[in-house]
Each structure stands twice: as structure tokens, then as C-alpha cells.
Amino acid sequence: MLTSFGNRTPYSAKSREFTPYFQYKIGPYQSDYYLYFAKQPYLQVYKNEIFMKMYEYAGYDLIRYNTPQC
């Protein structure tokens, strides 16, 4: 019943493949427009990191977030 309200087991998030709409790299954190992970992320970890990264930006920088700067 709890899955009807969005609650999932930790195993369900780990087993699902996802489409990476935000660019990410495997490696140490840097303060640029990419998401960084120590290893290949699971779906829930990936989604959480998107919001944590967006928290770092404000104003015009936030709407440009998914556009990497060259």
C-alpha cells in the first residue's frame, strides 16, 4: 500500500535504469555545472544530487544550470 504513495524500497531505486537529463561525471566534486559522483549513481542518488546542486545557484545562474559553460 505504501508504494501507492511513492514510498519504495531501497532496492527498487537501485535496480532501475534512468535517463540522465543532467550531465554528470565520475570523480571528485567541483563547483561547475556538472553533477559529480564517486561511482555510477542510482536513480534516487542522482535525483537528490540535482536538487543539491541547484541549491548552490540563484537567479539567472539557476536557469542556465543545465547548460554547461565552455
N, C-alpha and C. Protein backbone atom coordinates (compact mmCIF):
# COMPACT_ATOMS: atom_id res chain seq x y z
N MET A 1 0.81 -1.19 0.00
CA MET A 1 0.00 0.00 0.00
C MET A 1 0.86 1.25 0.00
N LEU A 2 1.97 1.26 0.70
CA LEU A 2 2.81 2.45 0.75
C LEU A 2 3.42 2.80 -0.59
N THR A 3 3.62 1.80 -1.46
CA THR A 3 4.17 2.10 -2.77
C THR A 3 3.20 2.93 -3.61
N SER A 4 1.92 2.88 -3.29
CA SER A 4 0.93 3.70 -3.99
C SER A 4 1.15 5.19 -3.73
N PHE A 5 1.76 5.51 -2.59
CA PHE A 5 2.01 6.90 -2.22
C PHE A 5 3.44 7.34 -2.52
N GLY A 6 4.16 6.57 -3.28
CA GLY A 6 5.50 6.95 -3.68
C GLY A 6 6.62 6.36 -2.85
N ASN A 7 6.31 5.63 -1.80
CA ASN A 7 7.35 5.00 -0.99
C ASN A 7 7.84 3.75 -1.70
N ARG A 8 9.14 3.62 -1.79
CA ARG A 8 9.73 2.47 -2.44
C ARG A 8 10.81 1.89 -1.53
N THR A 9 11.14 0.66 -1.76
CA THR A 9 12.24 0.07 -1.02
C THR A 9 13.55 0.59 -1.60
N PRO A 10 14.63 0.55 -0.84
CA PRO A 10 15.92 0.99 -1.37
C PRO A 10 16.35 0.18 -2.59
N TYR A 11 15.89 -1.04 -2.68
CA TYR A 11 16.28 -1.89 -3.79
C TYR A 11 15.61 -1.50 -5.10
N SER A 12 14.43 -0.91 -5.04
CA SER A 12 13.75 -0.54 -6.28
C SER A 12 14.47 0.61 -6.98
N ALA A 13 15.03 1.55 -6.23
CA ALA A 13 15.76 2.66 -6.83
C ALA A 13 17.09 2.20 -7.41
N LYS A 14 17.69 1.20 -6.82
CA LYS A 14 18.99 0.72 -7.28
C LYS A 14 18.88 -0.08 -8.57
N SER A 15 17.77 -0.74 -8.76
CA SER A 15 17.67 -1.64 -9.90
C SER A 15 17.19 -0.94 -11.17
N ARG A 16 16.68 0.28 -11.07
CA ARG A 16 16.12 0.94 -12.24
C ARG A 16 17.17 1.72 -13.02
N GLU A 17 17.11 1.61 -14.33
CA GLU A 17 17.92 2.43 -15.21
C GLU A 17 17.26 3.79 -15.32
N PHE A 18 18.03 4.83 -15.61
CA PHE A 18 17.44 6.15 -15.75
C PHE A 18 18.09 6.89 -16.90
N THR A 19 17.39 7.87 -17.41
CA THR A 19 17.90 8.73 -18.47
C THR A 19 18.54 9.95 -17.80
N PRO A 20 19.84 10.17 -17.98
CA PRO A 20 20.50 11.29 -17.32
C PRO A 20 20.23 12.61 -18.06
N TYR A 21 19.22 13.35 -17.62
CA TYR A 21 18.88 14.62 -18.24
C TYR A 21 19.86 15.72 -17.85
N PHE A 22 20.58 15.54 -16.75
CA PHE A 22 21.61 16.49 -16.33
C PHE A 22 22.95 15.79 -16.47
N GLN A 23 23.92 16.49 -17.01
CA GLN A 23 25.22 15.89 -17.25
C GLN A 23 25.94 15.62 -15.94
N TYR A 24 26.64 14.50 -15.89
CA TYR A 24 27.39 14.17 -14.69
C TYR A 24 28.70 13.50 -15.06
N LYS A 25 29.61 13.53 -14.10
CA LYS A 25 30.91 12.91 -14.26
C LYS A 25 31.21 12.08 -13.02
N ILE A 26 32.04 11.07 -13.21
CA ILE A 26 32.52 10.27 -12.10
C ILE A 26 33.86 10.87 -11.68
N GLY A 27 33.94 11.29 -10.41
CA GLY A 27 35.17 11.90 -9.92
C GLY A 27 34.91 12.81 -8.74
N PRO A 28 35.94 13.49 -8.26
CA PRO A 28 35.78 14.38 -7.10
C PRO A 28 34.93 15.60 -7.44
N TYR A 29 34.25 16.14 -6.44
CA TYR A 29 33.36 17.28 -6.62
C TYR A 29 34.13 18.52 -7.11
N GLN A 30 33.49 19.25 -8.02
CA GLN A 30 33.99 20.53 -8.48
C GLN A 30 32.81 21.49 -8.54
N SER A 31 33.07 22.77 -8.40
CA SER A 31 31.98 23.75 -8.39
C SER A 31 31.74 24.28 -9.81
N ASP A 32 31.29 23.40 -10.68
CA ASP A 32 30.91 23.80 -12.03
C ASP A 32 29.49 23.30 -12.30
N TYR A 33 29.12 23.21 -13.55
CA TYR A 33 27.74 22.87 -13.90
C TYR A 33 27.46 21.38 -14.03
N TYR A 34 28.39 20.54 -13.65
CA TYR A 34 28.19 19.09 -13.74
C TYR A 34 27.86 18.52 -12.36
N LEU A 35 27.18 17.38 -12.36
CA LEU A 35 26.99 16.62 -11.13
C LEU A 35 28.18 15.68 -11.02
N TYR A 36 28.64 15.44 -9.81
CA TYR A 36 29.79 14.55 -9.60
C TYR A 36 29.42 13.43 -8.64
N PHE A 37 29.88 12.23 -8.98
CA PHE A 37 29.62 11.05 -8.17
C PHE A 37 30.89 10.23 -8.04
N ALA A 38 31.04 9.54 -6.92
CA ALA A 38 32.21 8.69 -6.71
C ALA A 38 32.16 7.44 -7.60
N LYS A 39 30.94 6.98 -7.89
CA LYS A 39 30.73 5.82 -8.76
C LYS A 39 29.42 6.03 -9.50
N GLN A 40 29.09 5.13 -10.40
CA GLN A 40 27.85 5.24 -11.17
C GLN A 40 26.66 5.38 -10.21
N PRO A 41 25.88 6.46 -10.33
CA PRO A 41 24.80 6.69 -9.35
C PRO A 41 23.55 5.86 -9.62
N TYR A 42 22.82 5.61 -8.55
CA TYR A 42 21.49 5.03 -8.66
C TYR A 42 20.50 6.15 -8.87
N LEU A 43 19.29 5.83 -9.27
CA LEU A 43 18.28 6.82 -9.60
C LEU A 43 18.04 7.82 -8.46
N GLN A 44 17.81 7.34 -7.26
CA GLN A 44 17.50 8.24 -6.15
C GLN A 44 18.67 9.15 -5.80
N VAL A 45 19.87 8.63 -5.83
CA VAL A 45 21.06 9.43 -5.56
C VAL A 45 21.21 10.50 -6.63
N TYR A 46 20.97 10.15 -7.87
CA TYR A 46 21.05 11.09 -8.99
C TYR A 46 20.04 12.22 -8.81
N LYS A 47 18.80 11.88 -8.49
CA LYS A 47 17.77 12.91 -8.31
C LYS A 47 18.09 13.81 -7.13
N ASN A 48 18.56 13.26 -6.04
CA ASN A 48 18.92 14.07 -4.88
C ASN A 48 20.03 15.05 -5.21
N GLU A 49 21.02 14.61 -5.96
CA GLU A 49 22.15 15.47 -6.29
C GLU A 49 21.75 16.63 -7.20
N ILE A 50 20.76 16.42 -8.06
CA ILE A 50 20.27 17.51 -8.91
C ILE A 50 19.77 18.67 -8.05
N PHE A 51 18.96 18.36 -7.05
CA PHE A 51 18.42 19.42 -6.19
C PHE A 51 19.48 20.03 -5.29
N MET A 52 20.44 19.22 -4.85
CA MET A 52 21.52 19.77 -4.03
C MET A 52 22.38 20.73 -4.86
N LYS A 53 22.61 20.41 -6.12
CA LYS A 53 23.40 21.27 -6.99
C LYS A 53 22.64 22.55 -7.31
N MET A 54 21.34 22.45 -7.55
CA MET A 54 20.54 23.63 -7.85
C MET A 54 20.49 24.58 -6.66
N TYR A 55 20.62 24.06 -5.47
CA TYR A 55 20.62 24.88 -4.26
C TYR A 55 21.81 25.84 -4.24
N GLU A 56 22.91 25.48 -4.94
CA GLU A 56 24.11 26.30 -4.98
C GLU A 56 23.95 27.55 -5.85
N TYR A 57 22.97 27.56 -6.72
CA TYR A 57 22.82 28.65 -7.68
C TYR A 57 21.59 29.50 -7.35
N ALA A 58 21.61 30.74 -7.83
CA ALA A 58 20.49 31.65 -7.62
C ALA A 58 20.32 32.54 -8.85
N GLY A 59 19.11 33.06 -9.04
CA GLY A 59 18.85 34.00 -10.12
C GLY A 59 19.09 33.42 -11.50
N TYR A 60 19.75 34.20 -12.34
CA TYR A 60 20.00 33.82 -13.73
C TYR A 60 20.86 32.57 -13.83
N ASP A 61 21.78 32.37 -12.90
CA ASP A 61 22.62 31.17 -12.92
C ASP A 61 21.80 29.90 -12.79
N LEU A 62 20.70 29.97 -12.04
CA LEU A 62 19.86 28.79 -11.85
C LEU A 62 19.20 28.34 -13.14
N ILE A 63 18.70 29.26 -13.95
CA ILE A 63 18.03 28.85 -15.20
C ILE A 63 19.04 28.40 -16.25
N ARG A 64 20.31 28.77 -16.11
CA ARG A 64 21.34 28.31 -17.02
C ARG A 64 22.01 27.04 -16.51
N TYR A 65 21.55 26.50 -15.40
CA TYR A 65 22.23 25.39 -14.73
C TYR A 65 22.53 24.22 -15.63
N ASN A 66 21.60 23.75 -16.43
CA ASN A 66 21.82 22.55 -17.24
C ASN A 66 22.58 22.84 -18.52
N THR A 67 23.01 24.05 -18.75
CA THR A 67 23.79 24.40 -19.93
C THR A 67 25.24 24.58 -19.52
N PRO A 68 26.11 23.60 -19.75
CA PRO A 68 27.49 23.73 -19.34
C PRO A 68 28.18 24.91 -20.02
N GLN A 69 29.00 25.61 -19.28
CA GLN A 69 29.75 26.73 -19.81
C GLN A 69 31.06 26.23 -20.38
N CYS A 70 31.41 26.69 -21.57
CA CYS A 70 32.66 26.24 -22.21
C CYS A 70 33.83 27.08 -21.76
